[in-house]
Structure formats: structure tokens, C-alpha cells
C-alpha atoms as a PDB file:
ATOM      1  CA  MET A   1       0.667  26.642  -0.007  1.00  0.00           C
ATOM      2  CA  LYS A   2       2.319  24.836  -2.940  1.00  0.00           C
ATOM      3  CA  LYS A   3       2.537  21.043  -2.905  1.00  0.00           C
ATOM      4  CA  ILE A   4       6.320  21.151  -2.860  1.00  0.00           C
ATOM      5  CA  ASP A   5       6.304  23.382   0.240  1.00  0.00           C
ATOM      6  CA  ILE A   6       3.820  21.124   2.042  1.00  0.00           C
ATOM      7  CA  ALA A   7       6.025  18.141   1.212  1.00  0.00           C
ATOM      8  CA  LYS A   8       9.105  20.002   2.413  1.00  0.00           C
ATOM      9  CA  ASN A   9       7.484  20.782   5.773  1.00  0.00           C
ATOM     10  CA  LEU A  10       6.389  17.164   6.208  1.00  0.00           C
ATOM     11  CA  LEU A  11       9.914  15.939   5.492  1.00  0.00           C
ATOM     12  CA  ILE A  12      11.408  18.430   7.935  1.00  0.00           C
ATOM     13  CA  SER A  13       8.988  17.240  10.632  1.00  0.00           C
ATOM     14  CA  ASN A  14       9.881  13.608   9.937  1.00  0.00           C
ATOM     15  CA  LYS A  15      13.570  13.856   9.029  1.00  0.00           C
ATOM     16  CA  ASP A  16      14.444  11.607  11.965  1.00  0.00           C
ATOM     17  CA  MET A  17      13.029   8.617  10.081  1.00  0.00           C
ATOM     18  CA  LEU A  18      14.991   9.173   6.853  1.00  0.00           C
ATOM     19  CA  SER A  19      18.143   7.347   5.823  1.00  0.00           C
ATOM     20  CA  CYS A  20      20.047   7.751   2.560  1.00  0.00           C
ATOM     21  CA  PRO A  21      19.305   4.695   0.380  1.00  0.00           C
ATOM     22  CA  LYS A  22      22.851   4.855  -1.007  1.00  0.00           C
ATOM     23  CA  CYS A  23      25.016   5.154   2.133  1.00  0.00           C
ATOM     24  CA  HIS A  24      22.403   4.920   4.959  1.00  0.00           C
ATOM     25  CA  SER A  25      23.505   8.142   6.650  1.00  0.00           C
ATOM     26  CA  ASN A  26      21.218  10.877   8.044  1.00  0.00           C
ATOM     27  CA  MET A  27      19.441  13.272   5.705  1.00  0.00           C
ATOM     28  CA  PHE A  28      18.419  16.933   5.890  1.00  0.00           C
ATOM     29  CA  ILE A  29      16.769  19.610   3.709  1.00  0.00           C
ATOM     30  CA  LYS A  30      18.953  21.976   1.690  1.00  0.00           C
ATOM     31  CA  ASN A  31      18.851  24.330  -1.313  1.00  0.00           C
ATOM     32  CA  PRO A  32      15.734  24.713  -0.549  1.00  0.00           C
ATOM     33  CA  TYR A  33      14.017  21.664  -2.073  1.00  0.00           C
ATOM     34  CA  SER A  34      16.633  18.929  -1.866  1.00  0.00           C
ATOM     35  CA  LEU A  35      17.301  16.147   0.582  1.00  0.00           C
ATOM     36  CA  ILE A  36      21.034  15.836   1.205  1.00  0.00           C
ATOM     37  CA  CYS A  37      22.783  13.151   3.233  1.00  0.00           C
ATOM     38  CA  GLN A  38      26.000  13.489   5.219  1.00  0.00           C
ATOM     39  CA  ASN A  39      27.926  12.174   2.215  1.00  0.00           C
ATOM     40  CA  ASN A  40      26.300  14.693  -0.166  1.00  0.00           C
ATOM     41  CA  HIS A  41      24.018  12.260  -1.975  1.00  0.00           C
ATOM     42  CA  CYS A  42      21.140  14.422  -3.194  1.00  0.00           C
ATOM     43  CA  PHE A  43      17.469  13.669  -3.828  1.00  0.00           C
ATOM     44  CA  ASP A  44      15.262  16.512  -5.101  1.00  0.00           C
ATOM     45  CA  LEU A  45      11.635  17.183  -4.251  1.00  0.00           C
ATOM     46  CA  SER A  46       9.314  17.136  -7.244  1.00  0.00           C
ATOM     47  CA  LYS A  47       6.987  20.073  -7.859  1.00  0.00           C
ATOM     48  CA  ARG A  48       4.166  17.556  -7.365  1.00  0.00           C
ATOM     49  CA  GLY A  49       5.340  16.980  -3.807  1.00  0.00           C
ATOM     50  CA  TYR A  50       7.222  13.682  -3.764  1.00  0.00           C
ATOM     51  CA  VAL A  51      10.836  12.493  -3.579  1.00  0.00           C
ATOM     52  CA  ASN A  52      12.421   9.962  -5.937  1.00  0.00           C
ATOM     53  CA  PHE A  53      14.810   7.746  -3.929  1.00  0.00           C
ATOM     54  CA  LEU A  54      15.564   5.245  -6.698  1.00  0.00           C
ATOM     55  CA  LEU A  55      19.273   4.777  -7.357  1.00  0.00           C
ATOM     56  CA  GLY A  56      18.861   3.801 -11.012  1.00  0.00           C
ATOM     57  CA  SER A  57      16.341   3.135 -13.738  1.00  0.00           C
ATOM     58  CA  VAL A  58      13.874   0.298 -13.221  1.00  0.00           C
ATOM     59  CA  LYS A  59      11.338  -1.509 -15.356  1.00  0.00           C
ATOM     60  CA  VAL A  60       7.792  -0.988 -14.120  1.00  0.00           C
ATOM     61  CA  ASN A  61       4.916  -3.063 -15.504  1.00  0.00           C
ATOM     62  CA  TYR A  62       2.146  -0.729 -14.346  1.00  0.00           C
ATOM     63  CA  ASN A  63       1.500   2.199 -16.686  1.00  0.00           C
ATOM     64  CA  LYS A  64      -0.383   5.421 -15.975  1.00  0.00           C
ATOM     65  CA  GLU A  65      -3.546   4.207 -17.717  1.00  0.00           C
ATOM     66  CA  MET A  66      -3.700   1.126 -15.507  1.00  0.00           C
ATOM     67  CA  LEU A  67      -3.095   3.168 -12.347  1.00  0.00           C
ATOM     68  CA  ASN A  68      -5.788   5.698 -13.272  1.00  0.00           C
ATOM     69  CA  SER A  69      -8.249   2.866 -13.853  1.00  0.00           C
ATOM     70  CA  ARG A  70      -7.405   1.381 -10.466  1.00  0.00           C
ATOM     71  CA  TYR A  71      -8.071   4.757  -8.869  1.00  0.00           C
ATOM     72  CA  ILE A  72     -11.486   4.923 -10.582  1.00  0.00           C
ATOM     73  CA  VAL A  73     -12.313   1.372  -9.446  1.00  0.00           C
ATOM     74  CA  SER A  74     -11.270   2.341  -5.910  1.00  0.00           C
ATOM     75  CA  GLN A  75     -13.545   5.382  -5.997  1.00  0.00           C
ATOM     76  CA  TYR A  76     -16.356   3.076  -7.139  1.00  0.00           C
ATOM     77  CA  GLY A  77     -15.968   1.303  -3.796  1.00  0.00           C
ATOM     78  CA  PHE A  78     -14.617  -2.075  -4.858  1.00  0.00           C
ATOM     79  CA  PHE A  79     -11.849  -1.999  -2.250  1.00  0.00           C
ATOM     80  CA  ASN A  80     -13.937  -0.451   0.538  1.00  0.00           C
ATOM     81  CA  PRO A  81     -14.189  -3.740   2.504  1.00  0.00           C
ATOM     82  CA  ILE A  82     -10.375  -3.829   2.694  1.00  0.00           C
ATOM     83  CA  ILE A  83     -10.073  -0.154   3.620  1.00  0.00           C
ATOM     84  CA  ASP A  84     -12.760  -0.432   6.310  1.00  0.00           C
ATOM     85  CA  LYS A  85     -11.212  -3.538   7.854  1.00  0.00           C
ATOM     86  CA  ILE A  86      -7.675  -2.140   7.846  1.00  0.00           C
ATOM     87  CA  THR A  87      -8.969   1.089   9.399  1.00  0.00           C
ATOM     88  CA  GLN A  88     -10.615  -0.960  12.141  1.00  0.00           C
ATOM     89  CA  LEU A  89      -7.465  -2.990  12.781  1.00  0.00           C
ATOM     90  CA  ILE A  90      -5.230   0.075  12.924  1.00  0.00           C
ATOM     91  CA  ARG A  91      -7.623   1.968  15.194  1.00  0.00           C
ATOM     92  CA  LYS A  92      -7.619  -0.891  17.669  1.00  0.00           C
ATOM     93  CA  LYS A  93      -3.820  -1.049  17.506  1.00  0.00           C
ATOM     94  CA  ILE A  94      -3.528   2.700  18.133  1.00  0.00           C
ATOM     95  CA  ASN A  95      -5.871   2.427  21.106  1.00  0.00           C
ATOM     96  CA  THR A  96      -3.528  -0.100  22.724  1.00  0.00           C
ATOM     97  CA  SER A  97      -0.322   1.778  21.833  1.00  0.00           C
ATOM     98  CA  LYS A  98       1.681   4.111  24.054  1.00  0.00           C
ATOM     99  CA  ASN A  99       3.333   5.908  21.117  1.00  0.00           C
ATOM    100  CA  SER A 100       2.566   9.634  20.870  1.00  0.00           C
ATOM    101  CA  GLN A 101       2.855   9.631  17.063  1.00  0.00           C
ATOM    102  CA  VAL A 102       1.801   6.812  14.770  1.00  0.00           C
ATOM    103  CA  ARG A 103       3.565   6.339  11.447  1.00  0.00           C
ATOM    104  CA  ILE A 104       1.816   4.214   8.831  1.00  0.00           C
ATOM    105  CA  LEU A 105       3.784   3.063   5.773  1.00  0.00           C
ATOM    106  CA  ASP A 106       1.969   1.706   2.743  1.00  0.00           C
ATOM    107  CA  ALA A 107       4.633  -0.395   1.027  1.00  0.00           C
ATOM    108  CA  GLY A 108       3.757  -0.687  -2.652  1.00  0.00           C
ATOM    109  CA  CYS A 109       1.132   2.051  -2.422  1.00  0.00           C
ATOM    110  CA  GLY A 110       0.531   2.425  -6.166  1.00  0.00           C
ATOM    111  CA  GLU A 111      -1.619   5.461  -6.901  1.00  0.00           C
ATOM    112  CA  GLY A 112      -2.179   6.022  -3.173  1.00  0.00           C
ATOM    113  CA  TYR A 113      -5.936   5.586  -2.825  1.00  0.00           C
ATOM    114  CA  HIS A 114      -5.808   2.949  -0.085  1.00  0.00           C
ATOM    115  CA  LEU A 115      -3.455   4.862   2.207  1.00  0.00           C
ATOM    116  CA  SER A 116      -5.225   8.187   1.674  1.00  0.00           C
ATOM    117  CA  SER A 117      -8.588   6.616   2.526  1.00  0.00           C
ATOM    118  CA  ILE A 118      -7.253   4.810   5.601  1.00  0.00           C
ATOM    119  CA  ILE A 119      -5.688   8.007   6.988  1.00  0.00           C
ATOM    120  CA  LYS A 120      -8.867   9.964   6.276  1.00  0.00           C
ATOM    121  CA  ASN A 121     -11.014   7.344   8.013  1.00  0.00           C
ATOM    122  CA  LEU A 122      -8.748   7.228  11.060  1.00  0.00           C
ATOM    123  CA  LYS A 123      -8.694  11.004  11.454  1.00  0.00           C
ATOM    124  CA  SER A 124     -12.458  11.230  11.159  1.00  0.00           C
ATOM    125  CA  GLY A 125     -12.894   8.655  13.920  1.00  0.00           C
ATOM    126  CA  GLY A 126     -10.426   9.884  16.530  1.00  0.00           C
ATOM    127  CA  ASN A 127      -7.956  12.546  17.556  1.00  0.00           C
ATOM    128  CA  TYR A 128      -4.826  10.669  16.512  1.00  0.00           C
ATOM    129  CA  ASN A 129      -1.370  12.040  15.738  1.00  0.00           C
ATOM    130  CA  LEU A 130      -0.838  10.235  12.433  1.00  0.00           C
ATOM    131  CA  GLN A 131       1.649  10.424   9.611  1.00  0.00           C
ATOM    132  CA  GLY A 132       1.080   8.426   6.463  1.00  0.00           C
ATOM    133  CA  ILE A 133       4.000   7.508   4.216  1.00  0.00           C
ATOM    134  CA  GLY A 134       3.580   5.858   0.827  1.00  0.00           C
ATOM    135  CA  ILE A 135       6.342   4.244  -1.206  1.00  0.00           C
ATOM    136  CA  ASP A 136       6.197   2.601  -4.616  1.00  0.00           C
ATOM    137  CA  ILE A 137       8.656   1.840  -7.393  1.00  0.00           C
ATOM    138  CA  SER A 138       6.287   3.396  -9.950  1.00  0.00           C
ATOM    139  CA  LYS A 139       6.933   7.088 -10.530  1.00  0.00           C
ATOM    140  CA  ASP A 140       3.578   7.350 -12.327  1.00  0.00           C
ATOM    141  CA  GLY A 141       1.799   5.886  -9.321  1.00  0.00           C
ATOM    142  CA  ILE A 142       3.459   8.242  -6.842  1.00  0.00           C
ATOM    143  CA  SER A 143       2.829  11.199  -9.154  1.00  0.00           C
ATOM    144  CA  ILE A 144      -0.898  10.405  -9.131  1.00  0.00           C
ATOM    145  CA  ALA A 145      -0.871   9.901  -5.357  1.00  0.00           C
ATOM    146  CA  SER A 146       0.911  13.174  -4.587  1.00  0.00           C
ATOM    147  CA  SER A 147      -1.424  15.141  -6.844  1.00  0.00           C
ATOM    148  CA  ARG A 148      -4.460  13.959  -4.868  1.00  0.00           C
ATOM    149  CA  SER A 149      -3.283  13.822  -1.262  1.00  0.00           C
ATOM    150  CA  LYS A 150      -0.902  16.462   0.087  1.00  0.00           C
ATOM    151  CA  GLU A 151      -0.762  15.444   3.769  1.00  0.00           C
ATOM    152  CA  ILE A 152       1.097  12.196   3.116  1.00  0.00           C
ATOM    153  CA  ILE A 153       4.827  11.770   2.459  1.00  0.00           C
ATOM    154  CA  TRP A 154       5.130  10.157  -0.975  1.00  0.00           C
ATOM    155  CA  CYS A 155       8.327   8.417  -2.082  1.00  0.00           C
ATOM    156  CA  VAL A 156       9.421   6.678  -5.255  1.00  0.00           C
ATOM    157  CA  GLY A 157      11.628   3.879  -4.008  1.00  0.00           C
ATOM    158  CA  ASP A 158      12.615   0.238  -3.947  1.00  0.00           C
ATOM    159  CA  LEU A 159      11.028  -1.972  -1.266  1.00  0.00           C
ATOM    160  CA  ALA A 160      14.332  -3.834  -1.057  1.00  0.00           C
ATOM    161  CA  ASN A 161      16.185  -0.616  -0.168  1.00  0.00           C
ATOM    162  CA  THR A 162      13.831   1.831   1.518  1.00  0.00           C
ATOM    163  CA  PRO A 163      15.021   5.323   2.586  1.00  0.00           C
ATOM    164  CA  TYR A 164      14.107   4.788   6.250  1.00  0.00           C
ATOM    165  CA  LYS A 165      16.017   4.073   9.448  1.00  0.00           C
ATOM    166  CA  ASP A 166      15.510   0.984  11.585  1.00  0.00           C
ATOM    167  CA  GLY A 167      12.365   0.713  13.700  1.00  0.00           C
ATOM    168  CA  GLN A 168      10.420   3.690  12.345  1.00  0.00           C
ATOM    169  CA  PHE A 169       6.910   2.397  11.624  1.00  0.00           C
ATOM    170  CA  ASP A 170       4.016   1.406  13.853  1.00  0.00           C
ATOM    171  CA  ILE A 171       2.098  -0.086  10.923  1.00  0.00           C
ATOM    172  CA  ILE A 172       3.204  -1.364   7.519  1.00  0.00           C
ATOM    173  CA  THR A 173       0.423  -2.127   5.044  1.00  0.00           C
ATOM    174  CA  ASN A 174       1.129  -4.194   1.940  1.00  0.00           C
ATOM    175  CA  ILE A 175      -1.937  -4.431  -0.277  1.00  0.00           C
ATOM    176  CA  PHE A 176      -1.817  -6.522  -3.476  1.00  0.00           C
ATOM    177  CA  SER A 177       1.858  -5.661  -3.758  1.00  0.00           C
ATOM    178  CA  PRO A 178       5.186  -7.497  -3.771  1.00  0.00           C
ATOM    179  CA  SER A 179       6.966  -7.591  -0.419  1.00  0.00           C
ATOM    180  CA  ASN A 180      10.446  -7.519   1.021  1.00  0.00           C
ATOM    181  CA  TYR A 181      10.088  -9.026   4.477  1.00  0.00           C
ATOM    182  CA  PHE A 182      13.709  -8.522   5.474  1.00  0.00           C
ATOM    183  CA  GLU A 183      13.269  -4.797   4.934  1.00  0.00           C
ATOM    184  CA  PHE A 184       9.844  -4.753   6.607  1.00  0.00           C
ATOM    185  CA  ASN A 185      11.338  -6.354   9.712  1.00  0.00           C
ATOM    186  CA  ARG A 186      14.140  -3.810   9.753  1.00  0.00           C
ATOM    187  CA  ILE A 187      11.968  -0.668   9.599  1.00  0.00           C
ATOM    188  CA  LEU A 188       9.126  -1.932  11.826  1.00  0.00           C
ATOM    189  CA  LYS A 189       8.966  -0.892  15.484  1.00  0.00           C
ATOM    190  CA  ASP A 190       9.246  -3.579  18.146  1.00  0.00           C
ATOM    191  CA  ASP A 191       5.503  -3.368  18.805  1.00  0.00           C
ATOM    192  CA  GLY A 192       4.599  -2.735  15.153  1.00  0.00           C
ATOM    193  CA  LEU A 193       2.213  -4.622  12.888  1.00  0.00           C
ATOM    194  CA  VAL A 194       2.388  -5.724   9.263  1.00  0.00           C
ATOM    195  CA  ILE A 195      -1.007  -5.864   7.556  1.00  0.00           C
ATOM    196  CA  LYS A 196      -0.929  -7.727   4.257  1.00  0.00           C
ATOM    197  CA  VAL A 197      -3.785  -8.201   1.788  1.00  0.00           C
ATOM    198  CA  VAL A 198      -3.643 -10.898  -0.888  1.00  0.00           C
ATOM    199  CA  PRO A 199      -6.212 -12.046  -3.458  1.00  0.00           C
ATOM    200  CA  GLY A 200      -8.364 -14.994  -2.488  1.00  0.00           C
ATOM    201  CA  PRO A 201      -8.743 -17.975  -4.856  1.00  0.00           C
ATOM    202  CA  ASN A 202     -11.910 -16.530  -6.432  1.00  0.00           C
ATOM    203  CA  TYR A 203     -10.717 -12.934  -6.809  1.00  0.00           C
ATOM    204  CA  LEU A 204     -12.273 -11.594 -10.053  1.00  0.00           C
ATOM    205  CA  ILE A 205     -12.731 -15.184 -11.171  1.00  0.00           C
ATOM    206  CA  GLU A 206     -15.349 -14.091 -13.718  1.00  0.00           C
ATOM    207  CA  LEU A 207     -12.729 -12.064 -15.593  1.00  0.00           C
ATOM    208  CA  ARG A 208     -10.156 -14.845 -15.307  1.00  0.00           C
ATOM    209  CA  ASN A 209     -12.569 -17.408 -16.727  1.00  0.00           C
ATOM    210  CA  GLY A 210     -13.644 -15.078 -19.523  1.00  0.00           C
ATOM    211  CA  PHE A 211     -10.144 -14.100 -20.559  1.00  0.00           C
ATOM    212  CA  TYR A 212      -8.574 -17.540 -20.387  1.00  0.00           C
ATOM    213  CA  GLN A 213     -11.600 -19.850 -20.874  1.00  0.00           C
ATOM    214  CA  GLY A 214     -10.718 -22.188 -18.051  1.00  0.00           C
ATOM    215  CA  GLU A 215      -6.959 -22.283 -18.666  1.00  0.00           C
ATOM    216  CA  LYS A 216      -6.189 -20.393 -15.419  1.00  0.00           C
ATOM    217  CA  ASP A 217      -9.113 -21.410 -13.210  1.00  0.00           C
ATOM    218  CA  ASN A 218      -7.029 -22.804 -10.379  1.00  0.00           C
ATOM    219  CA  TYR A 219      -5.389 -19.724  -8.908  1.00  0.00           C
ATOM    220  CA  SER A 220      -3.644 -20.420  -5.606  1.00  0.00           C
ATOM    221  CA  ASN A 221      -2.193 -17.974  -3.095  1.00  0.00           C
ATOM    222  CA  GLU A 222      -0.733 -20.667  -0.842  1.00  0.00           C
ATOM    223  CA  ASN A 223       2.882 -19.753  -1.598  1.00  0.00           C
ATOM    224  CA  VAL A 224       2.244 -16.106  -0.708  1.00  0.00           C
ATOM    225  CA  LEU A 225       0.460 -17.039   2.520  1.00  0.00           C
ATOM    226  CA  GLN A 226       3.176 -19.501   3.506  1.00  0.00           C
ATOM    227  CA  LYS A 227       5.923 -16.930   2.880  1.00  0.00           C
ATOM    228  CA  PHE A 228       4.178 -14.458   5.181  1.00  0.00           C
ATOM    229  CA  LYS A 229       3.813 -17.080   7.909  1.00  0.00           C
ATOM    230  CA  GLU A 230       7.497 -17.971   7.619  1.00  0.00           C
ATOM    231  CA  ASN A 231       8.472 -14.353   8.279  1.00  0.00           C
ATOM    232  CA  PHE A 232       5.849 -13.202  10.784  1.00  0.00           C
ATOM    233  CA  HIS A 233       3.866 -14.510  13.693  1.00  0.00           C
ATOM    234  CA  VAL A 234       0.242 -14.222  12.540  1.00  0.00           C
ATOM    235  CA  LEU A 235      -1.929 -12.474  15.122  1.00  0.00           C
ATOM    236  CA  TYR A 236      -5.092 -12.308  13.053  1.00  0.00           C
ATOM    237  CA  SER A 237      -6.487 -13.273   9.644  1.00  0.00           C
ATOM    238  CA  GLU A 238      -9.781 -12.821   7.867  1.00  0.00           C
ATOM    239  CA  HIS A 239     -11.236 -13.941   4.543  1.00  0.00           C
ATOM    240  CA  ILE A 240     -13.583 -11.414   2.895  1.00  0.00           C
ATOM    241  CA  HIS A 241     -15.641 -12.653  -0.020  1.00  0.00           C
ATOM    242  CA  HIS A 242     -18.893 -11.630  -1.709  1.00  0.00           C
ATOM    243  CA  LYS A 243     -20.227 -10.492  -5.097  1.00  0.00           C
ATOM    244  CA  THR A 244     -20.323  -6.894  -6.269  1.00  0.00           C
ATOM    245  CA  TYR A 245     -22.377  -5.280  -9.017  1.00  0.00           C
ATOM    246  CA  VAL A 246     -20.485  -3.275 -11.665  1.00  0.00           C
ATOM    247  CA  GLU A 247     -22.245  -0.746 -13.889  1.00  0.00           C
ATOM    248  CA  LYS A 248     -21.470  -0.731 -17.606  1.00  0.00           C
ATOM    249  CA  LYS A 249     -19.547   2.565 -17.519  1.00  0.00           C
ATOM    250  CA  TYR A 250     -17.028   1.063 -15.067  1.00  0.00           C
ATOM    251  CA  ILE A 251     -16.419  -2.258 -16.821  1.00  0.00           C
ATOM    252  CA  LYS A 252     -13.597  -0.837 -18.942  1.00  0.00           C
ATOM    253  CA  ASP A 253     -11.715   0.364 -15.850  1.00  0.00           C
ATOM    254  CA  PHE A 254     -12.154  -2.977 -14.055  1.00  0.00           C
ATOM    255  CA  ILE A 255     -10.550  -4.659 -17.070  1.00  0.00           C
ATOM    256  CA  LYS A 256      -7.709  -2.157 -17.382  1.00  0.00           C
ATOM    257  CA  MET A 257      -6.799  -2.092 -13.686  1.00  0.00           C
ATOM    258  CA  THR A 258      -5.929  -5.794 -13.418  1.00  0.00           C
ATOM    259  CA  PRO A 259      -3.033  -7.775 -14.937  1.00  0.00           C
ATOM    260  CA  LEU A 260      -5.606 -10.496 -15.663  1.00  0.00           C
ATOM    261  CA  SER A 261      -6.289  -8.706 -18.958  1.00  0.00           C
ATOM    262  CA  TRP A 262      -2.630  -8.884 -20.044  1.00  0.00           C
ATOM    263  CA  GLY A 263      -2.238 -11.321 -22.891  1.00  0.00           C
ATOM    264  CA  SER A 264      -5.973 -11.868 -23.316  1.00  0.00           C
ATOM    265  CA  SER A 265      -7.548 -11.596 -26.748  1.00  0.00           C
ATOM    266  CA  ASN A 266      -9.314  -8.455 -27.933  1.00  0.00           C
ATOM    267  CA  GLU A 267     -12.350 -10.604 -28.626  1.00  0.00           C
ATOM    268  CA  SER A 268     -12.689 -11.693 -24.987  1.00  0.00           C
ATOM    269  CA  ILE A 269     -12.231  -8.105 -23.776  1.00  0.00           C
ATOM    270  CA  VAL A 270     -14.888  -6.820 -26.195  1.00  0.00           C
ATOM    271  CA  GLN A 271     -17.314  -9.472 -24.932  1.00  0.00           C
ATOM    272  CA  PHE A 272     -17.061  -7.984 -21.450  1.00  0.00           C
ATOM    273  CA  LEU A 273     -17.253  -4.401 -22.695  1.00  0.00           C
ATOM    274  CA  ASN A 274     -20.498  -5.174 -24.546  1.00  0.00           C
ATOM    275  CA  GLN A 275     -22.263  -6.354 -21.407  1.00  0.00           C
ATOM    276  CA  ASN A 276     -24.685  -3.999 -19.652  1.00  0.00           C
ATOM    277  CA  SER A 277     -23.397  -4.920 -16.196  1.00  0.00           C
ATOM    278  CA  LEU A 278     -21.230  -7.447 -14.376  1.00  0.00           C
ATOM    279  CA  LYS A 279     -21.251  -9.322 -11.110  1.00  0.00           C
ATOM    280  CA  LEU A 280     -17.691  -9.821  -9.932  1.00  0.00           C
ATOM    281  CA  SER A 281     -16.259 -11.771  -7.025  1.00  0.00           C
ATOM    282  CA  VAL A 282     -14.706  -9.797  -4.191  1.00  0.00           C
ATOM    283  CA  ASP A 283     -12.259 -12.206  -2.539  1.00  0.00           C
ATOM    284  CA  PHE A 284      -9.522 -10.927  -0.216  1.00  0.00           C
ATOM    285  CA  ILE A 285      -7.461 -12.407   2.601  1.00  0.00           C
ATOM    286  CA  ILE A 286      -6.154 -10.039   5.281  1.00  0.00           C
ATOM    287  CA  LEU A 287      -3.230 -11.079   7.491  1.00  0.00           C
ATOM    288  CA  VAL A 288      -1.889  -9.238  10.540  1.00  0.00           C
ATOM    289  CA  GLY A 289       1.578 -10.195  11.724  1.00  0.00           C
ATOM    290  CA  ILE A 290       4.473  -9.210  13.950  1.00  0.00           C
ATOM    291  CA  THR A 291       8.145 -10.006  13.600  1.00  0.00           C
ATOM    292  CA  GLN A 292       8.687 -13.381  15.240  1.00  0.00           C
ATOM    293  CA  SER A 293      11.454 -11.992  17.432  1.00  0.00           C
ATOM    294  CA  LYS A 294       9.269  -9.085  18.586  1.00  0.00           C
ATOM    295  CA  ASP A 295       6.415 -10.814  20.396  1.00  0.00           C
ATOM    296  CA  GLN A 296       5.675  -7.772  22.543  1.00  0.00           C
ATOM    297  CA  PRO A 297       3.034  -7.485  25.295  1.00  0.00           C
ATOM    298  CA  GLU A 298       1.449  -4.593  23.383  1.00  0.00           C
ATOM    299  CA  ASN A 299       0.682  -6.887  20.449  1.00  0.00           C
ATOM    300  CA  LYS A 300      -0.854  -9.523  22.706  1.00  0.00           C
ATOM    301  CA  GLN A 301      -2.981  -6.753  24.196  1.00  0.00           C
ATOM    302  CA  PHE A 302      -4.014  -5.711  20.684  1.00  0.00           C
ATOM    303  CA  LEU A 303      -5.071  -9.271  19.886  1.00  0.00           C
ATOM    304  CA  GLU A 304      -7.169  -9.603  23.042  1.00  0.00           C
ATOM    305  CA  TYR A 305      -8.686  -6.175  22.448  1.00  0.00           C
ATOM    306  CA  TYR A 306      -9.630  -7.102  18.890  1.00  0.00           C
ATOM    307  CA  LYS A 307     -11.217 -10.385  19.928  1.00  0.00           C
ATOM    308  CA  SER A 308     -13.307  -8.524  22.482  1.00  0.00           C
END
């Protein structure tokens, strides 16, 4: 079956969650590969199997080369500790949930590797009724994602104006991506969880020190952490940090996949490229939260279950 037909079937099965980003009315399939709302606003399915819900042109900093490098770094296993931990957290949440279907939204999904891996891991470890949905403002990122994973609904869209109705998602993941907490609160179910991953203070510090020679040593994520705590009641947090070995053939992709290389000199980049291997710092902070007004018994049960 073609990618566009698989995407069409997924959208038909999940049309109850969709809302026109322009007028917020219901949407349905028509003509045969278009999403139409009640006020005739139209969004076409791409042949690659995604829908573009953006209402105008936007400036995106991440280009295709950077996204491809991030995918290669992900395949190398650099983000596996995050993927494994999120899989564990979601599995425990599902095991305490009474919902027959679980919808997982990756908000700011980029090239889609994280969400695809999490869904794959969950399905291999249990008989769950899952639907993954990925949304990102980067058309290049969603194009890469849809070309590699056909069982997920992929959307180009704005996190400040998502094409979803209120209370649709059991889990929202937000991994190294900007957030819109007002929108997250709106589309999250009453017993839903937000799982956010932010860089720790020593994330890729070797690259930062090499590129900027001490000028940007003191990275702090305190503002990001505080903003999350202001918007959600934190059920759980964990700091993951260790060193990882990087083979020479992957050094170029590690440099290209991070904004740390933006504005750095060619000389400092070449110095890294000439090395035979690198040891880089893995440093992530994972936060699990619920909307402060939705302190449901199911979430307390999840917390107790996780601690056990």
C-alpha cells in the first residue's frame, strides 16, 4: 500500500482528534486525499504520507542536512538512554490506565526517530493499542520522518496552534524542543502525562569548550526547568549522565546535528574532524508532569507504581 493511502487510513481512524487550525471545526477526508473542515478549509496529504497544517510560511533554523545527521547520531545510539527511559515511563503509565487506546504525541518531533523508536519498543513489549502522532514546524523533518515510519500520523504544524481537539492525548513527549504549555494543557487528557527532556549542564560540553574555548562554559537550564514547574505538577524527574565513545566516522554528524557548531570557526571544527575518536558527555534531565488542575488518582497510582 502507498504511503499516502496508509496515512489516509490512519487519519480516518483518528479523525475524532482533529480540529481545523484555522477555525477549530471538525475535519474529514475528501477528494480523496484532502482533509476538509466544516468551513471548507483544506489541507492536502503529501505523497510521502504527512499533512501540512501550517497557515503560512515560517522560518525554520534546522535544515535537511542537520536533521539527517541527527538521525544518524540517533541510529548510533546516542539517545538510547532517553528512549529507553521514556519507554519505561510510558509502559508503566499504560499499565495503570483504563483507556482502551493510547495516543502519544511527540511535540517537536524533528525527523521522527525518537517517537518511532518509542512506539516500536512499546509494541515489542506488550499488546497495546497505540497511536503515535508526530508534529513539527519543519517540513524537512516531517518529510524524513514519514519516509521512514508509515504507522505514525505525521503533521507539519505550529506547537502554538496544533490541529487537535481538547483532551486528546494520553502522553505528550517534548524532547530537546521548544514548548507551548498552554497548548499542551489544552490537548492533554485529564489523566495524561507530559514527558519533557532537556539538556543537562554538561551536555556535549566537550564540543562547547572546543568551539567556544571557554566562552560558553556555563550553560544553565534553570529557566527551562522553572518554566516547566510553573506549568505542571512534577511527578517524577531523573538526571542521566555518562560518557559515550564516538568513532571517527560519526564525528562529522555529531558536529552537524547540534546548534553548538553554529557560529564556530572552521578551524575548531576541523580540529574535531581530525581526531580518531571522541568521548562526549551524555547529560539529560527527564521531567514527568501533569497539569496542575488535573491531579487525577490515576496519576498518583502511576507514581506509586513507578516507585515500586
